[in-house]
Amino acid sequence: MKNGALGGKISGAGGGGYMMFYVKNCFVHHLVNVLNEFGGRTERVHFYDKGVITWKTQD
């Protein structure tokens, strides 16, 4: 939280898992850099107020 996150959630079990953080736009790059320093992999997600959106990719 000291690196800009307003909240977070840890999910998963065993050898894998996922950490998700809610961050104001002005702190995103800083938090990504901090996580990368610890060997983390970051992904950007988007929330929509219209419900769930899905899509398929070609394998």
N, C-alpha and C. Protein backbone atom coordinates (compact mmCIF):
# COMPACT_ATOMS: atom_id res chain seq x y z
N MET A 1 0.81 -1.19 0.00
CA MET A 1 0.00 0.00 0.00
C MET A 1 0.86 1.26 0.00
N LYS A 2 2.07 1.16 0.52
CA LYS A 2 2.92 2.36 0.54
C LYS A 2 3.43 2.74 -0.84
N ASN A 3 3.20 1.89 -1.84
CA ASN A 3 3.64 2.19 -3.20
C ASN A 3 2.50 2.64 -4.10
N GLY A 4 1.39 3.07 -3.51
CA GLY A 4 0.32 3.68 -4.29
C GLY A 4 -0.97 2.91 -4.41
N ALA A 5 -1.01 1.66 -3.96
CA ALA A 5 -2.24 0.87 -4.07
C ALA A 5 -3.26 1.34 -3.04
N LEU A 6 -4.51 1.42 -3.46
CA LEU A 6 -5.60 1.75 -2.54
C LEU A 6 -6.20 0.49 -1.91
N GLY A 7 -5.99 -0.64 -2.57
CA GLY A 7 -6.49 -1.91 -2.07
C GLY A 7 -5.91 -3.05 -2.88
N GLY A 8 -6.10 -4.27 -2.42
CA GLY A 8 -5.56 -5.41 -3.14
C GLY A 8 -6.30 -6.68 -2.80
N LYS A 9 -6.08 -7.70 -3.61
CA LYS A 9 -6.71 -9.01 -3.43
C LYS A 9 -5.72 -10.07 -3.88
N ILE A 10 -5.56 -11.10 -3.06
CA ILE A 10 -4.72 -12.24 -3.41
C ILE A 10 -5.65 -13.42 -3.66
N SER A 11 -5.48 -14.10 -4.79
CA SER A 11 -6.30 -15.27 -5.09
C SER A 11 -5.41 -16.40 -5.59
N GLY A 12 -5.95 -17.60 -5.59
CA GLY A 12 -5.20 -18.75 -6.04
C GLY A 12 -4.79 -19.62 -4.87
N ALA A 13 -4.16 -20.74 -5.18
CA ALA A 13 -3.73 -21.67 -4.15
C ALA A 13 -2.56 -22.49 -4.66
N GLY A 14 -1.88 -23.13 -3.76
CA GLY A 14 -0.77 -23.99 -4.14
C GLY A 14 0.40 -23.21 -4.70
N GLY A 15 0.95 -23.69 -5.81
CA GLY A 15 2.13 -23.07 -6.39
C GLY A 15 1.86 -21.86 -7.25
N GLY A 16 0.60 -21.55 -7.50
CA GLY A 16 0.28 -20.40 -8.34
C GLY A 16 -0.64 -19.45 -7.62
N GLY A 17 -0.88 -18.35 -8.24
CA GLY A 17 -1.77 -17.39 -7.63
C GLY A 17 -1.74 -16.08 -8.38
N TYR A 18 -2.48 -15.15 -7.85
CA TYR A 18 -2.63 -13.87 -8.53
C TYR A 18 -2.81 -12.79 -7.48
N MET A 19 -2.16 -11.67 -7.66
CA MET A 19 -2.38 -10.51 -6.80
C MET A 19 -2.94 -9.40 -7.68
N MET A 20 -4.02 -8.80 -7.23
CA MET A 20 -4.63 -7.71 -7.99
C MET A 20 -4.68 -6.49 -7.08
N PHE A 21 -4.28 -5.35 -7.63
CA PHE A 21 -4.25 -4.11 -6.87
C PHE A 21 -5.12 -3.06 -7.53
N TYR A 22 -5.80 -2.27 -6.73
CA TYR A 22 -6.56 -1.12 -7.21
C TYR A 22 -5.67 0.10 -6.99
N VAL A 23 -5.33 0.79 -8.09
CA VAL A 23 -4.34 1.86 -8.04
C VAL A 23 -4.84 3.06 -8.84
N LYS A 24 -4.67 4.25 -8.28
CA LYS A 24 -4.97 5.45 -9.05
C LYS A 24 -4.02 5.54 -10.24
N ASN A 25 -4.49 6.11 -11.34
CA ASN A 25 -3.68 6.19 -12.56
C ASN A 25 -2.31 6.81 -12.32
N CYS A 26 -2.22 7.78 -11.44
CA CYS A 26 -0.95 8.48 -11.23
C CYS A 26 0.10 7.60 -10.55
N PHE A 27 -0.29 6.45 -9.97
CA PHE A 27 0.66 5.56 -9.30
C PHE A 27 0.92 4.26 -10.05
N VAL A 28 0.25 4.04 -11.18
CA VAL A 28 0.36 2.76 -11.89
C VAL A 28 1.80 2.46 -12.27
N HIS A 29 2.48 3.37 -12.93
CA HIS A 29 3.84 3.10 -13.40
C HIS A 29 4.79 2.83 -12.24
N HIS A 30 4.63 3.56 -11.16
CA HIS A 30 5.49 3.33 -9.99
C HIS A 30 5.27 1.93 -9.43
N LEU A 31 4.02 1.53 -9.24
CA LEU A 31 3.73 0.22 -8.68
C LEU A 31 4.21 -0.89 -9.61
N VAL A 32 4.03 -0.73 -10.91
CA VAL A 32 4.51 -1.73 -11.87
C VAL A 32 6.02 -1.88 -11.75
N ASN A 33 6.74 -0.79 -11.65
CA ASN A 33 8.20 -0.85 -11.50
C ASN A 33 8.61 -1.57 -10.22
N VAL A 34 7.93 -1.29 -9.12
CA VAL A 34 8.24 -1.95 -7.85
C VAL A 34 7.98 -3.45 -7.96
N LEU A 35 6.85 -3.84 -8.53
CA LEU A 35 6.55 -5.27 -8.68
C LEU A 35 7.56 -5.96 -9.59
N ASN A 36 7.97 -5.30 -10.67
CA ASN A 36 8.97 -5.88 -11.57
C ASN A 36 10.31 -6.07 -10.88
N GLU A 37 10.66 -5.18 -9.96
CA GLU A 37 11.92 -5.33 -9.21
C GLU A 37 11.92 -6.62 -8.38
N PHE A 38 10.75 -7.09 -7.98
CA PHE A 38 10.63 -8.32 -7.21
C PHE A 38 10.36 -9.53 -8.09
N GLY A 39 10.49 -9.37 -9.41
CA GLY A 39 10.29 -10.49 -10.33
C GLY A 39 8.84 -10.76 -10.68
N GLY A 40 7.97 -9.83 -10.38
CA GLY A 40 6.55 -10.01 -10.70
C GLY A 40 6.26 -9.74 -12.16
N ARG A 41 5.18 -10.32 -12.64
CA ARG A 41 4.72 -10.06 -14.00
C ARG A 41 3.43 -9.27 -13.89
N THR A 42 3.34 -8.19 -14.59
CA THR A 42 2.15 -7.35 -14.47
C THR A 42 1.29 -7.44 -15.71
N GLU A 43 -0.01 -7.31 -15.51
CA GLU A 43 -0.99 -7.28 -16.59
C GLU A 43 -1.98 -6.17 -16.28
N ARG A 44 -2.47 -5.52 -17.30
CA ARG A 44 -3.44 -4.45 -17.10
C ARG A 44 -4.84 -5.02 -17.33
N VAL A 45 -5.76 -4.68 -16.46
CA VAL A 45 -7.15 -5.10 -16.60
C VAL A 45 -8.03 -3.87 -16.67
N HIS A 46 -9.21 -4.05 -17.22
CA HIS A 46 -10.16 -2.94 -17.36
C HIS A 46 -11.50 -3.38 -16.80
N PHE A 47 -12.18 -2.49 -16.13
CA PHE A 47 -13.51 -2.75 -15.60
C PHE A 47 -14.53 -1.96 -16.40
N TYR A 48 -15.65 -2.58 -16.68
CA TYR A 48 -16.71 -1.95 -17.45
C TYR A 48 -17.99 -1.92 -16.63
N ASP A 49 -18.78 -0.89 -16.77
CA ASP A 49 -20.04 -0.81 -16.04
C ASP A 49 -21.21 -1.42 -16.82
N LYS A 50 -20.93 -2.06 -17.95
CA LYS A 50 -21.96 -2.66 -18.79
C LYS A 50 -22.09 -4.16 -18.56
N GLY A 51 -21.32 -4.74 -17.67
CA GLY A 51 -21.36 -6.18 -17.44
C GLY A 51 -20.11 -6.86 -17.99
N VAL A 52 -20.18 -8.17 -18.09
CA VAL A 52 -19.04 -8.97 -18.53
C VAL A 52 -18.89 -8.91 -20.04
N ILE A 53 -17.67 -8.78 -20.51
CA ILE A 53 -17.35 -8.81 -21.94
C ILE A 53 -16.39 -9.96 -22.16
N THR A 54 -16.67 -10.83 -23.12
CA THR A 54 -15.78 -11.96 -23.42
C THR A 54 -15.40 -11.94 -24.88
N TRP A 55 -14.33 -12.63 -25.21
CA TRP A 55 -13.90 -12.79 -26.59
C TRP A 55 -13.05 -14.04 -26.69
N LYS A 56 -12.87 -14.54 -27.90
CA LYS A 56 -12.06 -15.73 -28.15
C LYS A 56 -10.86 -15.34 -28.99
N THR A 57 -9.77 -16.04 -28.76
CA THR A 57 -8.57 -15.85 -29.58
C THR A 57 -8.31 -17.13 -30.35
N GLN A 58 -7.61 -17.01 -31.45
CA GLN A 58 -7.25 -18.19 -32.22
C GLN A 58 -6.03 -18.84 -31.59
N ASP A 59 -6.06 -20.17 -31.49
CA ASP A 59 -4.93 -20.91 -30.90
C ASP A 59 -3.80 -21.06 -31.87
